[in-house]
């Protein structure tokens, strides 16, 4: 995990990932240091699971907190050289 492609914030460590010509900012599994995660909705929250080996929980959080932190990570990673 390159320091220029990742940043640690309060909920997640985030990584900038390019796929099909698009740049995305995704949370990283703290066990596998992999952005192979999936998201699901539950009520007003989001469940984040890792799919590196087997499905396991990364974190449950409020949707607004997730989206706010994702925007913070995007701004930080986009400003890094």
C-alpha atoms as a PDB file:
ATOM      1  CA  UNK A   1       0.000   0.000   0.000  1.00  0.00           C
ATOM      2  CA  UNK A   2       1.701   3.171  -1.214  1.00  0.00           C
ATOM      3  CA  UNK A   3       1.601   6.180   1.147  1.00  0.00           C
ATOM      4  CA  UNK A   4       0.510   8.402  -1.774  1.00  0.00           C
ATOM      5  CA  UNK A   5      -2.447   6.127  -2.493  1.00  0.00           C
ATOM      6  CA  UNK A   6      -3.788   5.769   1.050  1.00  0.00           C
ATOM      7  CA  UNK A   7      -4.766   7.807   4.099  1.00  0.00           C
ATOM      8  CA  UNK A   8      -5.996   6.919   7.575  1.00  0.00           C
ATOM      9  CA  UNK A   9      -9.017   8.738   8.958  1.00  0.00           C
ATOM     10  CA  UNK A  10     -11.198   8.064  12.006  1.00  0.00           C
ATOM     11  CA  UNK A  11     -13.442   5.317  10.562  1.00  0.00           C
ATOM     12  CA  UNK A  12     -11.309   3.716   7.853  1.00  0.00           C
ATOM     13  CA  UNK A  13      -8.005   3.695   6.064  1.00  0.00           C
ATOM     14  CA  UNK A  14      -8.840   4.728   2.500  1.00  0.00           C
ATOM     15  CA  UNK A  15      -7.101   3.865  -0.765  1.00  0.00           C
ATOM     16  CA  UNK A  16      -7.275   5.452  -4.206  1.00  0.00           C
ATOM     17  CA  UNK A  17      -7.983   2.697  -6.745  1.00  0.00           C
ATOM     18  CA  UNK A  18      -8.169   3.044 -10.514  1.00  0.00           C
ATOM     19  CA  UNK A  19     -10.470   0.689 -12.382  1.00  0.00           C
ATOM     20  CA  UNK A  20     -11.762   0.940 -15.954  1.00  0.00           C
ATOM     21  CA  UNK A  21     -10.202   4.401 -16.253  1.00  0.00           C
ATOM     22  CA  UNK A  22     -12.048   5.740 -13.200  1.00  0.00           C
ATOM     23  CA  UNK A  23     -10.490   6.677  -9.866  1.00  0.00           C
ATOM     24  CA  UNK A  24     -12.366   5.571  -6.762  1.00  0.00           C
ATOM     25  CA  UNK A  25     -11.641   6.047  -3.075  1.00  0.00           C
ATOM     26  CA  UNK A  26     -12.426   2.886  -1.111  1.00  0.00           C
ATOM     27  CA  UNK A  27     -11.974   1.765   2.486  1.00  0.00           C
ATOM     28  CA  UNK A  28      -9.301  -0.846   3.113  1.00  0.00           C
ATOM     29  CA  UNK A  29      -9.682  -4.014   5.147  1.00  0.00           C
ATOM     30  CA  UNK A  30      -7.412  -3.572   8.207  1.00  0.00           C
ATOM     31  CA  UNK A  31      -6.568  -7.294   8.227  1.00  0.00           C
ATOM     32  CA  UNK A  32      -5.720  -7.777   4.545  1.00  0.00           C
ATOM     33  CA  UNK A  33      -4.793  -4.179   3.614  1.00  0.00           C
ATOM     34  CA  UNK A  34      -6.945  -4.733   0.558  1.00  0.00           C
ATOM     35  CA  UNK A  35      -9.605  -2.545  -1.054  1.00  0.00           C
ATOM     36  CA  UNK A  36     -11.583  -5.670  -2.022  1.00  0.00           C
ATOM     37  CA  UNK A  37     -14.607  -4.542  -0.033  1.00  0.00           C
ATOM     38  CA  UNK A  38     -18.331  -4.450  -0.664  1.00  0.00           C
ATOM     39  CA  UNK A  39     -20.988  -2.156   0.740  1.00  0.00           C
ATOM     40  CA  UNK A  40     -24.528  -2.837   1.773  1.00  0.00           C
ATOM     41  CA  UNK A  41     -27.288  -0.705   3.232  1.00  0.00           C
ATOM     42  CA  UNK A  42     -28.966  -1.447   6.535  1.00  0.00           C
ATOM     43  CA  UNK A  43     -31.491   1.105   7.740  1.00  0.00           C
ATOM     44  CA  UNK A  44     -29.673   4.441   7.855  1.00  0.00           C
ATOM     45  CA  UNK A  45     -26.262   2.778   7.908  1.00  0.00           C
ATOM     46  CA  UNK A  46     -23.727   1.027   5.740  1.00  0.00           C
ATOM     47  CA  UNK A  47     -22.096  -2.344   6.287  1.00  0.00           C
ATOM     48  CA  UNK A  48     -18.615  -2.790   4.817  1.00  0.00           C
ATOM     49  CA  UNK A  49     -17.351  -6.338   4.294  1.00  0.00           C
ATOM     50  CA  UNK A  50     -14.037  -7.702   3.000  1.00  0.00           C
ATOM     51  CA  UNK A  51     -13.920 -10.244   0.196  1.00  0.00           C
ATOM     52  CA  UNK A  52     -10.170 -10.933   0.124  1.00  0.00           C
ATOM     53  CA  UNK A  53     -10.506 -14.473   1.468  1.00  0.00           C
ATOM     54  CA  UNK A  54     -13.947 -14.951   2.998  1.00  0.00           C
ATOM     55  CA  UNK A  55     -16.653 -12.437   3.701  1.00  0.00           C
ATOM     56  CA  UNK A  56     -15.988 -10.792   7.024  1.00  0.00           C
ATOM     57  CA  UNK A  57     -17.123  -7.573   8.633  1.00  0.00           C
ATOM     58  CA  UNK A  58     -14.882  -4.527   8.298  1.00  0.00           C
ATOM     59  CA  UNK A  59     -17.224  -2.024   9.954  1.00  0.00           C
ATOM     60  CA  UNK A  60     -20.796  -0.859  10.433  1.00  0.00           C
ATOM     61  CA  UNK A  61     -21.313   2.896  10.341  1.00  0.00           C
ATOM     62  CA  UNK A  62     -23.828   5.626   9.705  1.00  0.00           C
ATOM     63  CA  UNK A  63     -24.259   6.393   5.993  1.00  0.00           C
ATOM     64  CA  UNK A  64     -23.683  10.140   6.492  1.00  0.00           C
ATOM     65  CA  UNK A  65     -20.461   9.511   8.453  1.00  0.00           C
ATOM     66  CA  UNK A  66     -19.255   7.145   5.726  1.00  0.00           C
ATOM     67  CA  UNK A  67     -19.995   9.588   2.901  1.00  0.00           C
ATOM     68  CA  UNK A  68     -18.437  12.515   4.768  1.00  0.00           C
ATOM     69  CA  UNK A  69     -15.262  10.580   5.497  1.00  0.00           C
ATOM     70  CA  UNK A  70     -15.093   9.284   1.910  1.00  0.00           C
ATOM     71  CA  UNK A  71     -15.201  12.896   0.653  1.00  0.00           C
ATOM     72  CA  UNK A  72     -12.445  13.869   3.125  1.00  0.00           C
ATOM     73  CA  UNK A  73     -10.325  10.952   1.909  1.00  0.00           C
ATOM     74  CA  UNK A  74     -10.977  11.850  -1.735  1.00  0.00           C
ATOM     75  CA  UNK A  75      -9.911  15.474  -1.120  1.00  0.00           C
ATOM     76  CA  UNK A  76      -6.760  14.380   0.728  1.00  0.00           C
ATOM     77  CA  UNK A  77      -5.742  11.747  -1.828  1.00  0.00           C
ATOM     78  CA  UNK A  78      -6.483  14.024  -4.789  1.00  0.00           C
ATOM     79  CA  UNK A  79      -4.254  16.725  -3.277  1.00  0.00           C
ATOM     80  CA  UNK A  80      -1.300  14.343  -2.787  1.00  0.00           C
ATOM     81  CA  UNK A  81       1.224  14.288  -5.657  1.00  0.00           C
END
